[in-house]
Amino acid sequence: AWTIRQWWKGITNYFDQRITQGAIEAINGIIQLAKRRARGFRNFVYLRTIAYWNTGKLDIHLPPLAPT
């Protein structure tokens, strides 16, 4: 009963607006993935760049590396 009382406003808002936090949780998962990929980089700019790259689903076509 305590849990329902605590979250009552959110429960009733769902039935009024049919909005969940699923999208926010998905974005959080993408940002966590970016943090794992950016591990070892020096600053926040690199993390932010990789987060944008992941959320924008950018597909960068790089030429194959030539043997040296």
N, C-alpha and C. Protein backbone atom coordinates (compact mmCIF):
# COMPACT_ATOMS: atom_id res chain seq x y z
N ALA A 1 0.83 -1.19 0.00
CA ALA A 1 0.00 0.00 0.00
C ALA A 1 0.88 1.25 0.00
N TRP A 2 1.99 1.22 0.75
CA TRP A 2 2.87 2.38 0.82
C TRP A 2 3.44 2.70 -0.55
N THR A 3 3.83 1.69 -1.31
CA THR A 3 4.41 1.90 -2.63
C THR A 3 3.38 2.52 -3.58
N ILE A 4 2.17 2.04 -3.53
CA ILE A 4 1.13 2.59 -4.39
C ILE A 4 0.85 4.05 -4.03
N ARG A 5 0.79 4.34 -2.74
CA ARG A 5 0.59 5.72 -2.31
C ARG A 5 1.74 6.61 -2.77
N GLN A 6 2.96 6.09 -2.71
CA GLN A 6 4.14 6.87 -3.09
C GLN A 6 4.11 7.21 -4.58
N TRP A 7 3.67 6.30 -5.42
CA TRP A 7 3.70 6.48 -6.87
C TRP A 7 2.33 6.78 -7.47
N TRP A 8 1.35 7.12 -6.65
CA TRP A 8 -0.01 7.29 -7.12
C TRP A 8 -0.13 8.34 -8.23
N LYS A 9 0.55 9.47 -8.09
CA LYS A 9 0.46 10.53 -9.09
C LYS A 9 0.99 10.04 -10.44
N GLY A 10 2.09 9.31 -10.43
CA GLY A 10 2.63 8.76 -11.67
C GLY A 10 1.71 7.72 -12.29
N ILE A 11 1.08 6.91 -11.45
CA ILE A 11 0.14 5.90 -11.96
C ILE A 11 -1.05 6.55 -12.64
N THR A 12 -1.61 7.55 -11.99
CA THR A 12 -2.78 8.22 -12.59
C THR A 12 -2.37 9.03 -13.82
N ASN A 13 -1.17 9.60 -13.84
CA ASN A 13 -0.71 10.33 -15.03
C ASN A 13 -0.58 9.40 -16.22
N TYR A 14 -0.18 8.16 -16.00
CA TYR A 14 -0.06 7.22 -17.11
C TYR A 14 -1.43 7.03 -17.77
N PHE A 15 -2.46 6.86 -16.99
CA PHE A 15 -3.78 6.63 -17.55
C PHE A 15 -4.35 7.88 -18.21
N ASP A 16 -3.90 9.06 -17.78
CA ASP A 16 -4.36 10.30 -18.40
C ASP A 16 -3.64 10.56 -19.73
N GLN A 17 -2.31 10.31 -19.77
CA GLN A 17 -1.52 10.73 -20.92
C GLN A 17 -0.90 9.58 -21.70
N ARG A 18 -0.91 8.37 -21.17
CA ARG A 18 -0.35 7.18 -21.83
C ARG A 18 1.13 7.35 -22.19
N ILE A 19 1.86 7.99 -21.32
CA ILE A 19 3.30 8.19 -21.53
C ILE A 19 4.04 7.42 -20.45
N THR A 20 5.07 6.65 -20.88
CA THR A 20 5.89 5.94 -19.92
C THR A 20 7.31 6.49 -19.99
N GLN A 21 8.18 5.97 -19.14
CA GLN A 21 9.56 6.39 -19.14
C GLN A 21 10.44 5.48 -19.99
N GLY A 22 9.83 4.69 -20.83
CA GLY A 22 10.58 3.76 -21.67
C GLY A 22 11.57 4.47 -22.57
N ALA A 23 11.17 5.58 -23.17
CA ALA A 23 12.07 6.32 -24.07
C ALA A 23 13.26 6.88 -23.30
N ILE A 24 13.01 7.39 -22.12
CA ILE A 24 14.11 7.93 -21.31
C ILE A 24 15.06 6.82 -20.90
N GLU A 25 14.52 5.67 -20.54
CA GLU A 25 15.37 4.54 -20.17
C GLU A 25 16.19 4.06 -21.37
N ALA A 26 15.62 4.11 -22.56
CA ALA A 26 16.36 3.71 -23.76
C ALA A 26 17.52 4.67 -24.03
N ILE A 27 17.27 5.96 -23.89
CA ILE A 27 18.34 6.95 -24.08
C ILE A 27 19.42 6.77 -23.03
N ASN A 28 19.02 6.48 -21.80
CA ASN A 28 20.00 6.24 -20.74
C ASN A 28 20.87 5.03 -21.08
N GLY A 29 20.27 3.99 -21.62
CA GLY A 29 21.05 2.82 -22.03
C GLY A 29 22.05 3.15 -23.12
N ILE A 30 21.64 3.99 -24.07
CA ILE A 30 22.55 4.39 -25.15
C ILE A 30 23.70 5.21 -24.59
N ILE A 31 23.42 6.09 -23.64
CA ILE A 31 24.48 6.90 -23.04
C ILE A 31 25.43 6.02 -22.23
N GLN A 32 24.90 5.02 -21.54
CA GLN A 32 25.77 4.10 -20.80
C GLN A 32 26.67 3.33 -21.75
N LEU A 33 26.15 2.94 -22.91
CA LEU A 33 26.96 2.28 -23.93
C LEU A 33 28.06 3.22 -24.41
N ALA A 34 27.72 4.49 -24.60
CA ALA A 34 28.73 5.46 -25.03
C ALA A 34 29.81 5.62 -23.97
N LYS A 35 29.43 5.58 -22.70
CA LYS A 35 30.42 5.68 -21.64
C LYS A 35 31.38 4.51 -21.68
N ARG A 36 30.86 3.31 -21.96
CA ARG A 36 31.75 2.14 -22.06
C ARG A 36 32.68 2.26 -23.26
N ARG A 37 32.15 2.76 -24.37
CA ARG A 37 32.98 2.91 -25.56
C ARG A 37 34.02 4.01 -25.41
N ALA A 38 33.70 5.05 -24.64
CA ALA A 38 34.59 6.19 -24.49
C ALA A 38 35.58 6.01 -23.35
N ARG A 39 35.57 4.87 -22.72
CA ARG A 39 36.46 4.65 -21.59
C ARG A 39 37.91 4.84 -22.04
N GLY A 40 38.64 5.58 -21.27
CA GLY A 40 40.04 5.82 -21.58
C GLY A 40 40.28 7.14 -22.30
N PHE A 41 39.23 7.77 -22.81
CA PHE A 41 39.42 9.06 -23.43
C PHE A 41 39.61 10.12 -22.37
N ARG A 42 40.15 11.24 -22.76
CA ARG A 42 40.60 12.21 -21.79
C ARG A 42 39.53 13.09 -21.17
N ASN A 43 38.49 13.45 -21.91
CA ASN A 43 37.56 14.41 -21.34
C ASN A 43 36.12 14.16 -21.79
N PHE A 44 35.24 15.00 -21.31
CA PHE A 44 33.81 14.86 -21.56
C PHE A 44 33.45 15.05 -23.03
N VAL A 45 34.24 15.84 -23.76
CA VAL A 45 33.94 16.11 -25.16
C VAL A 45 33.91 14.81 -25.95
N TYR A 46 34.83 13.90 -25.67
CA TYR A 46 34.85 12.62 -26.38
C TYR A 46 33.62 11.78 -26.03
N LEU A 47 33.25 11.77 -24.77
CA LEU A 47 32.05 11.04 -24.36
C LEU A 47 30.82 11.61 -25.05
N ARG A 48 30.71 12.91 -25.08
CA ARG A 48 29.57 13.56 -25.72
C ARG A 48 29.53 13.24 -27.21
N THR A 49 30.68 13.25 -27.86
CA THR A 49 30.75 12.95 -29.29
C THR A 49 30.27 11.52 -29.56
N ILE A 50 30.72 10.57 -28.76
CA ILE A 50 30.31 9.18 -28.96
C ILE A 50 28.84 9.01 -28.63
N ALA A 51 28.32 9.72 -27.63
CA ALA A 51 26.90 9.64 -27.31
C ALA A 51 26.06 10.15 -28.48
N TYR A 52 26.47 11.27 -29.08
CA TYR A 52 25.76 11.77 -30.25
C TYR A 52 25.85 10.78 -31.40
N TRP A 53 27.00 10.20 -31.58
CA TRP A 53 27.21 9.24 -32.65
C TRP A 53 26.27 8.04 -32.48
N ASN A 54 26.17 7.54 -31.24
CA ASN A 54 25.30 6.39 -30.98
C ASN A 54 23.82 6.73 -31.11
N THR A 55 23.41 7.86 -30.55
CA THR A 55 21.99 8.20 -30.57
C THR A 55 21.53 8.61 -31.95
N GLY A 56 22.42 9.19 -32.74
CA GLY A 56 22.07 9.59 -34.09
C GLY A 56 22.15 8.45 -35.08
N LYS A 57 22.66 7.31 -34.64
CA LYS A 57 22.82 6.13 -35.48
C LYS A 57 23.57 6.46 -36.76
N LEU A 58 24.65 7.21 -36.60
CA LEU A 58 25.46 7.60 -37.74
C LEU A 58 26.19 6.39 -38.30
N ASP A 59 26.25 6.33 -39.60
CA ASP A 59 26.97 5.26 -40.26
C ASP A 59 28.08 5.91 -41.08
N ILE A 60 29.27 5.85 -40.57
CA ILE A 60 30.39 6.48 -41.25
C ILE A 60 31.09 5.42 -42.08
N HIS A 61 31.14 5.66 -43.37
CA HIS A 61 31.78 4.72 -44.29
C HIS A 61 33.24 5.11 -44.45
N LEU A 62 34.10 4.40 -43.76
CA LEU A 62 35.53 4.67 -43.86
C LEU A 62 36.15 3.73 -44.88
N PRO A 63 37.14 4.22 -45.62
CA PRO A 63 37.80 3.34 -46.57
C PRO A 63 38.58 2.26 -45.82
N PRO A 64 38.73 1.11 -46.43
CA PRO A 64 39.49 0.05 -45.76
C PRO A 64 40.95 0.48 -45.57
N LEU A 65 41.54 0.01 -44.50
CA LEU A 65 42.93 0.36 -44.23
C LEU A 65 43.84 -0.38 -45.21
N ALA A 66 44.74 0.37 -45.77
CA ALA A 66 45.71 -0.23 -46.70
C ALA A 66 46.89 -0.78 -45.89
N PRO A 67 47.38 -1.95 -46.23
CA PRO A 67 48.53 -2.46 -45.49
C PRO A 67 49.75 -1.58 -45.74
N THR A 68 50.52 -1.38 -44.70
CA THR A 68 51.72 -0.55 -44.85
C THR A 68 52.97 -1.35 -44.75
